[in-house]
N, C-alpha and C. Protein backbone atom coordinates (compact mmCIF):
# COMPACT_ATOMS: atom_id res chain seq x y z
N MET A 1 75.81 101.79 102.50
CA MET A 1 76.03 100.68 101.61
C MET A 1 77.40 100.10 101.90
N GLY A 2 77.46 98.80 102.21
CA GLY A 2 78.74 98.14 102.43
C GLY A 2 79.38 97.76 101.13
N ILE A 3 80.67 97.93 101.04
CA ILE A 3 81.41 97.58 99.82
C ILE A 3 82.42 96.53 100.18
N ALA A 4 82.50 95.52 99.34
CA ALA A 4 83.47 94.46 99.57
C ALA A 4 84.12 94.04 98.26
N ILE A 5 85.40 94.23 98.19
CA ILE A 5 86.19 93.70 97.07
C ILE A 5 86.72 92.38 97.63
N THR A 6 86.21 91.28 97.10
CA THR A 6 86.45 89.99 97.72
C THR A 6 87.70 89.29 97.24
N GLU A 7 88.19 89.60 96.05
CA GLU A 7 89.35 88.92 95.52
C GLU A 7 90.25 89.87 94.77
N ILE A 8 91.54 89.67 94.92
CA ILE A 8 92.53 90.42 94.17
C ILE A 8 93.56 89.43 93.66
N GLY A 9 93.75 89.41 92.36
CA GLY A 9 94.76 88.54 91.78
C GLY A 9 96.08 89.30 91.70
N LEU A 10 97.14 88.65 92.08
CA LEU A 10 98.47 89.29 92.08
C LEU A 10 99.49 88.44 91.33
N ALA A 11 100.41 89.08 90.66
CA ALA A 11 101.61 88.45 90.11
C ALA A 11 102.75 89.42 90.46
N THR A 12 103.44 89.12 91.53
CA THR A 12 104.46 90.03 92.06
C THR A 12 105.79 89.32 92.25
N ALA A 13 106.78 90.08 92.67
CA ALA A 13 108.08 89.50 92.99
C ALA A 13 107.99 88.52 94.17
N GLN A 14 106.95 88.67 94.98
CA GLN A 14 106.75 87.78 96.12
C GLN A 14 105.79 86.64 95.79
N GLY A 15 105.30 86.61 94.56
CA GLY A 15 104.40 85.54 94.13
C GLY A 15 102.97 86.03 93.97
N ASN A 16 102.05 85.08 93.85
CA ASN A 16 100.64 85.47 93.78
C ASN A 16 100.07 85.55 95.20
N ALA A 17 98.80 85.83 95.33
CA ALA A 17 98.22 86.04 96.66
C ALA A 17 98.43 84.81 97.56
N ARG A 18 98.21 83.63 97.03
CA ARG A 18 98.40 82.40 97.81
C ARG A 18 99.84 82.28 98.30
N ASP A 19 100.82 82.54 97.40
CA ASP A 19 102.23 82.47 97.79
C ASP A 19 102.53 83.43 98.93
N ILE A 20 102.03 84.64 98.83
CA ILE A 20 102.29 85.67 99.85
C ILE A 20 101.71 85.26 101.20
N LEU A 21 100.49 84.77 101.20
CA LEU A 21 99.82 84.38 102.43
C LEU A 21 100.49 83.17 103.09
N GLU A 22 101.03 82.26 102.29
CA GLU A 22 101.62 81.04 102.84
C GLU A 22 103.12 81.18 103.11
N SER A 23 103.76 82.24 102.64
CA SER A 23 105.22 82.38 102.77
C SER A 23 105.62 82.82 104.16
N GLN A 24 106.75 82.33 104.59
CA GLN A 24 107.34 82.72 105.87
C GLN A 24 108.47 83.72 105.69
N THR A 25 108.94 83.87 104.44
CA THR A 25 110.07 84.76 104.17
C THR A 25 109.79 85.63 102.95
N VAL A 26 110.53 86.70 102.86
CA VAL A 26 110.43 87.61 101.71
C VAL A 26 111.54 87.24 100.74
N ARG A 27 111.19 87.16 99.46
CA ARG A 27 112.21 86.86 98.45
C ARG A 27 113.19 88.00 98.35
N ALA A 28 114.44 87.68 98.17
CA ALA A 28 115.50 88.68 98.05
C ALA A 28 115.65 89.16 96.63
N ALA A 29 116.30 90.30 96.47
CA ALA A 29 116.61 90.82 95.15
C ALA A 29 117.60 89.90 94.45
N SER A 30 117.60 89.94 93.13
CA SER A 30 118.52 89.11 92.36
C SER A 30 119.19 89.96 91.26
N GLU A 31 120.11 89.33 90.57
CA GLU A 31 120.76 90.02 89.44
C GLU A 31 119.73 90.34 88.39
N LEU A 32 119.99 91.37 87.59
CA LEU A 32 119.10 91.69 86.47
C LEU A 32 119.07 90.52 85.49
N PRO A 33 117.91 90.19 84.94
CA PRO A 33 117.86 89.09 83.99
C PRO A 33 118.29 89.50 82.57
N TRP A 34 118.76 90.71 82.41
CA TRP A 34 119.27 91.22 81.15
C TRP A 34 120.61 91.91 81.40
N SER A 35 121.29 92.23 80.33
CA SER A 35 122.56 92.95 80.48
C SER A 35 122.28 94.40 80.81
N ALA A 36 122.92 94.87 81.85
CA ALA A 36 122.71 96.25 82.28
C ALA A 36 123.37 97.21 81.29
N SER A 37 122.77 98.37 81.14
CA SER A 37 123.35 99.41 80.29
C SER A 37 123.60 100.63 81.17
N LYS A 38 124.11 101.67 80.57
CA LYS A 38 124.37 102.87 81.34
C LYS A 38 123.07 103.52 81.84
N TRP A 39 121.94 103.14 81.27
CA TRP A 39 120.66 103.71 81.67
C TRP A 39 120.06 103.00 82.88
N ASN A 40 120.59 101.86 83.25
CA ASN A 40 120.09 101.13 84.42
C ASN A 40 120.75 101.72 85.66
N VAL A 41 119.95 102.31 86.53
CA VAL A 41 120.49 102.83 87.78
C VAL A 41 120.75 101.67 88.73
N SER A 42 119.82 100.74 88.78
CA SER A 42 119.95 99.59 89.66
C SER A 42 120.65 98.45 88.96
N ARG A 43 121.34 97.64 89.71
CA ARG A 43 121.97 96.45 89.15
C ARG A 43 121.31 95.18 89.68
N VAL A 44 120.26 95.34 90.48
CA VAL A 44 119.48 94.20 90.98
C VAL A 44 118.00 94.48 90.77
N CYS A 45 117.20 93.43 90.86
CA CYS A 45 115.77 93.60 90.67
C CYS A 45 115.01 92.58 91.49
N TYR A 46 113.72 92.70 91.52
CA TYR A 46 112.82 91.72 92.12
C TYR A 46 111.94 91.18 91.01
N PRO A 47 112.40 90.13 90.31
CA PRO A 47 111.60 89.63 89.19
C PRO A 47 110.31 88.96 89.68
N ALA A 48 109.32 88.96 88.82
CA ALA A 48 108.04 88.33 89.16
C ALA A 48 108.25 86.85 89.41
N ALA A 49 107.77 86.39 90.53
CA ALA A 49 107.90 84.97 90.91
C ALA A 49 107.08 84.08 89.97
N GLY A 50 107.69 82.98 89.55
CA GLY A 50 106.98 82.01 88.75
C GLY A 50 106.87 82.37 87.28
N ILE A 51 107.53 83.43 86.85
CA ILE A 51 107.50 83.85 85.45
C ILE A 51 108.92 83.73 84.91
N HIS A 52 109.08 82.98 83.83
CA HIS A 52 110.42 82.76 83.28
C HIS A 52 110.99 84.06 82.73
N SER A 53 112.24 84.34 83.05
CA SER A 53 112.87 85.60 82.66
C SER A 53 113.05 85.76 81.15
N SER A 54 112.94 84.67 80.39
CA SER A 54 113.08 84.79 78.93
C SER A 54 111.81 85.32 78.26
N LEU A 55 110.69 85.33 78.98
CA LEU A 55 109.46 85.83 78.40
C LEU A 55 109.48 87.35 78.27
N ALA A 56 108.94 87.85 77.16
CA ALA A 56 108.88 89.30 76.93
C ALA A 56 107.58 89.63 76.21
N GLY A 57 107.24 90.91 76.21
CA GLY A 57 106.08 91.39 75.48
C GLY A 57 104.78 90.71 75.91
N VAL A 58 103.95 90.42 74.90
CA VAL A 58 102.64 89.84 75.16
C VAL A 58 102.75 88.51 75.88
N GLU A 59 103.75 87.70 75.55
CA GLU A 59 103.90 86.39 76.19
C GLU A 59 104.14 86.56 77.70
N ARG A 60 104.94 87.55 78.08
CA ARG A 60 105.19 87.81 79.50
C ARG A 60 103.91 88.27 80.18
N TRP A 61 103.20 89.19 79.53
CA TRP A 61 101.94 89.69 80.09
C TRP A 61 100.93 88.59 80.29
N GLN A 62 100.83 87.67 79.30
CA GLN A 62 99.89 86.57 79.44
C GLN A 62 100.25 85.67 80.62
N ALA A 63 101.54 85.40 80.77
CA ALA A 63 101.97 84.57 81.91
C ALA A 63 101.67 85.26 83.24
N LEU A 64 101.89 86.56 83.32
CA LEU A 64 101.58 87.31 84.54
C LEU A 64 100.08 87.31 84.83
N ALA A 65 99.28 87.53 83.78
CA ALA A 65 97.82 87.53 83.96
C ALA A 65 97.32 86.17 84.44
N LYS A 66 97.81 85.09 83.83
CA LYS A 66 97.36 83.77 84.22
C LYS A 66 97.79 83.45 85.66
N ARG A 67 98.96 83.91 86.05
CA ARG A 67 99.44 83.68 87.42
C ARG A 67 98.55 84.44 88.40
N ALA A 68 98.20 85.67 88.09
CA ALA A 68 97.34 86.48 88.97
C ALA A 68 95.93 85.92 89.02
N LEU A 69 95.40 85.53 87.88
CA LEU A 69 94.01 85.05 87.83
C LEU A 69 93.84 83.65 88.43
N ALA A 70 94.93 82.95 88.68
CA ALA A 70 94.83 81.62 89.29
C ALA A 70 94.20 81.70 90.68
N ASP A 71 94.31 82.86 91.33
CA ASP A 71 93.73 83.04 92.67
C ASP A 71 92.29 83.52 92.66
N VAL A 72 91.78 83.90 91.50
CA VAL A 72 90.46 84.54 91.43
C VAL A 72 89.39 83.51 91.06
N GLU A 73 88.43 83.35 91.95
CA GLU A 73 87.29 82.45 91.70
C GLU A 73 86.06 83.29 91.48
N ALA A 74 85.97 83.91 90.32
CA ALA A 74 84.89 84.84 90.04
C ALA A 74 83.94 84.25 88.99
N SER A 75 82.74 84.79 88.95
CA SER A 75 81.79 84.39 87.93
C SER A 75 82.08 85.11 86.62
N ASP A 76 81.44 84.68 85.56
CA ASP A 76 81.63 85.35 84.26
C ASP A 76 81.16 86.79 84.27
N ASN A 77 80.31 87.15 85.21
CA ASN A 77 79.80 88.52 85.30
C ASN A 77 80.67 89.45 86.15
N THR A 78 81.67 88.90 86.78
CA THR A 78 82.51 89.72 87.65
C THR A 78 83.39 90.64 86.82
N PRO A 79 83.35 91.94 87.08
CA PRO A 79 84.21 92.86 86.33
C PRO A 79 85.67 92.65 86.72
N LEU A 80 86.54 92.84 85.75
CA LEU A 80 87.96 92.71 85.98
C LEU A 80 88.65 94.00 85.64
N LEU A 81 89.42 94.54 86.59
CA LEU A 81 90.20 95.73 86.35
C LEU A 81 91.67 95.32 86.41
N ILE A 82 92.46 95.78 85.47
CA ILE A 82 93.86 95.35 85.35
C ILE A 82 94.76 96.50 85.74
N ALA A 83 95.71 96.22 86.61
CA ALA A 83 96.69 97.22 87.02
C ALA A 83 98.08 96.73 86.67
N SER A 84 98.88 97.63 86.13
CA SER A 84 100.24 97.28 85.74
C SER A 84 101.16 98.44 86.11
N CYS A 85 102.36 98.10 86.55
CA CYS A 85 103.25 99.19 86.95
C CYS A 85 103.73 100.00 85.77
N ASN A 86 104.01 99.40 84.62
CA ASN A 86 104.50 100.21 83.52
C ASN A 86 104.34 99.56 82.15
N GLY A 87 103.53 98.59 82.01
CA GLY A 87 103.41 97.94 80.70
C GLY A 87 104.60 97.07 80.42
N SER A 88 104.61 96.52 79.25
CA SER A 88 105.72 95.66 78.84
C SER A 88 106.87 96.54 78.41
N ALA A 89 108.01 96.30 78.96
CA ALA A 89 109.18 97.15 78.68
C ALA A 89 109.92 96.63 77.46
N ASP A 90 109.29 96.70 76.30
CA ASP A 90 109.97 96.38 75.05
C ASP A 90 109.47 97.30 73.95
N ASP A 91 109.92 97.09 72.73
CA ASP A 91 109.57 98.02 71.66
C ASP A 91 108.14 97.90 71.20
N ARG A 92 107.38 96.91 71.68
CA ARG A 92 105.97 96.77 71.36
C ARG A 92 105.11 97.03 72.58
N TRP A 93 105.48 97.97 73.43
CA TRP A 93 104.80 98.18 74.71
C TRP A 93 103.34 98.52 74.57
N GLU A 94 102.96 99.17 73.45
CA GLU A 94 101.55 99.55 73.27
C GLU A 94 100.64 98.33 73.27
N GLU A 95 101.15 97.18 72.82
CA GLU A 95 100.35 95.97 72.77
C GLU A 95 99.97 95.47 74.18
N SER A 96 100.67 95.95 75.16
CA SER A 96 100.40 95.52 76.54
C SER A 96 99.01 95.93 77.00
N PHE A 97 98.44 96.92 76.34
CA PHE A 97 97.14 97.42 76.77
C PHE A 97 95.99 96.82 75.95
N ASP A 98 96.31 95.85 75.07
CA ASP A 98 95.29 95.14 74.32
C ASP A 98 94.88 93.94 75.17
N THR A 99 93.78 94.08 75.86
CA THR A 99 93.37 93.03 76.80
C THR A 99 92.93 91.75 76.12
N SER A 100 92.57 91.80 74.84
CA SER A 100 92.22 90.57 74.15
C SER A 100 93.44 89.66 74.03
N GLU A 101 94.61 90.25 73.80
CA GLU A 101 95.86 89.48 73.77
C GLU A 101 96.28 89.09 75.17
N LEU A 102 96.21 90.03 76.09
CA LEU A 102 96.64 89.80 77.45
C LEU A 102 95.86 88.64 78.10
N LEU A 103 94.57 88.61 77.87
CA LEU A 103 93.70 87.66 78.55
C LEU A 103 93.28 86.48 77.66
N ALA A 104 94.00 86.27 76.57
CA ALA A 104 93.69 85.13 75.67
C ALA A 104 93.69 83.85 76.51
N GLY A 105 92.64 83.06 76.29
CA GLY A 105 92.53 81.81 77.02
C GLY A 105 91.85 81.92 78.38
N THR A 106 91.39 83.12 78.75
CA THR A 106 90.65 83.29 79.99
C THR A 106 89.20 83.68 79.69
N ARG A 107 88.36 83.63 80.71
CA ARG A 107 86.94 83.97 80.49
C ARG A 107 86.72 85.45 80.15
N TRP A 108 87.74 86.28 80.35
CA TRP A 108 87.61 87.72 80.06
C TRP A 108 88.19 88.12 78.71
N ALA A 109 88.66 87.18 77.90
CA ALA A 109 89.36 87.48 76.65
C ALA A 109 88.54 88.32 75.68
N ALA A 110 87.23 88.12 75.64
CA ALA A 110 86.40 88.84 74.67
C ALA A 110 85.93 90.20 75.17
N HIS A 111 86.27 90.56 76.40
CA HIS A 111 85.81 91.82 76.97
C HIS A 111 86.83 92.92 76.71
N ASP A 112 86.37 94.14 76.50
CA ASP A 112 87.24 95.31 76.37
C ASP A 112 87.38 95.89 77.78
N LEU A 113 88.53 95.68 78.40
CA LEU A 113 88.71 96.02 79.81
C LEU A 113 89.68 97.19 80.00
N PRO A 114 89.46 97.96 81.07
CA PRO A 114 90.40 99.05 81.37
C PRO A 114 91.70 98.51 81.96
N VAL A 115 92.80 99.16 81.61
CA VAL A 115 94.11 98.86 82.17
C VAL A 115 94.59 100.10 82.88
N PHE A 116 94.87 99.99 84.17
CA PHE A 116 95.39 101.10 84.96
C PHE A 116 96.90 100.97 85.01
N SER A 117 97.59 101.90 84.39
CA SER A 117 99.05 101.83 84.35
C SER A 117 99.59 103.18 84.81
N SER A 118 99.98 103.22 86.05
CA SER A 118 100.46 104.48 86.62
C SER A 118 101.60 104.21 87.60
N SER A 119 102.58 103.54 87.10
CA SER A 119 103.77 103.21 87.88
C SER A 119 103.37 102.44 89.11
N CYS A 120 103.98 102.72 90.24
CA CYS A 120 103.74 101.93 91.45
C CYS A 120 102.35 102.14 92.03
N ALA A 121 101.61 103.15 91.60
CA ALA A 121 100.29 103.43 92.14
C ALA A 121 99.18 102.75 91.35
N SER A 122 99.51 101.92 90.37
CA SER A 122 98.49 101.27 89.52
C SER A 122 97.47 100.49 90.32
N GLY A 123 97.95 99.70 91.28
CA GLY A 123 97.04 98.86 92.06
C GLY A 123 96.02 99.66 92.83
N ILE A 124 96.45 100.73 93.46
CA ILE A 124 95.53 101.55 94.26
C ILE A 124 94.55 102.28 93.32
N HIS A 125 95.00 102.67 92.13
CA HIS A 125 94.08 103.28 91.17
C HIS A 125 93.01 102.30 90.75
N ALA A 126 93.38 101.04 90.50
CA ALA A 126 92.40 100.03 90.12
C ALA A 126 91.42 99.76 91.26
N LEU A 127 91.90 99.70 92.49
CA LEU A 127 91.02 99.49 93.63
C LEU A 127 90.05 100.66 93.80
N TYR A 128 90.53 101.88 93.61
CA TYR A 128 89.66 103.06 93.69
C TYR A 128 88.57 102.98 92.62
N ALA A 129 88.96 102.61 91.40
CA ALA A 129 87.98 102.48 90.31
C ALA A 129 86.96 101.38 90.61
N ALA A 130 87.43 100.28 91.20
CA ALA A 130 86.52 99.19 91.55
C ALA A 130 85.49 99.68 92.57
N ARG A 131 85.96 100.43 93.55
CA ARG A 131 85.05 100.99 94.57
C ARG A 131 84.04 101.92 93.90
N ALA A 132 84.51 102.76 92.98
CA ALA A 132 83.61 103.69 92.28
C ALA A 132 82.57 102.93 91.47
N LEU A 133 82.97 101.88 90.80
CA LEU A 133 82.01 101.07 90.04
C LEU A 133 80.93 100.49 90.95
N LEU A 134 81.36 99.98 92.11
CA LEU A 134 80.41 99.39 93.04
C LEU A 134 79.48 100.45 93.65
N THR A 135 80.01 101.58 94.09
CA THR A 135 79.16 102.59 94.74
C THR A 135 78.23 103.27 93.75
N SER A 136 78.62 103.34 92.48
CA SER A 136 77.76 103.98 91.49
C SER A 136 76.62 103.09 91.04
N GLY A 137 76.73 101.80 91.34
CA GLY A 137 75.73 100.86 90.90
C GLY A 137 75.98 100.33 89.49
N ALA A 138 77.10 100.71 88.89
CA ALA A 138 77.42 100.26 87.54
C ALA A 138 77.62 98.74 87.49
N VAL A 139 78.12 98.19 88.57
CA VAL A 139 78.27 96.74 88.70
C VAL A 139 77.76 96.35 90.08
N ASP A 140 77.41 95.08 90.25
CA ASP A 140 76.91 94.66 91.54
C ASP A 140 77.70 93.49 92.14
N GLU A 141 78.80 93.12 91.52
CA GLU A 141 79.66 92.11 92.13
C GLU A 141 81.10 92.38 91.75
């Protein structure tokens, strides 16, 4: 059985999938968009491209989701798996896993969707789960 994951939506420091494919250069690190504390080991970061640094919590997550989904031309039946490096880094981080808030205004808003959050390995975990869904026959697109 051939398996094909045809689309992946991204919201990264290098941009979305279209930005990455069309870019000739890699974006450089920048100053932290917040005041560093003694707990910050790094003094630079790679902020998500196209996302305003003032956004936080659910608003930031929604902006990231919309940026990533801009590249996805899927049907309403297409399953969506969400991968995040660490959730929203604020005092309401648990809300980051409420996909109804995250996906408000998208065709997936009413669906209860899994969120894979396992640091830098989140994306590969979501891809593995997508492959498992396809090979098990649980989904067909």
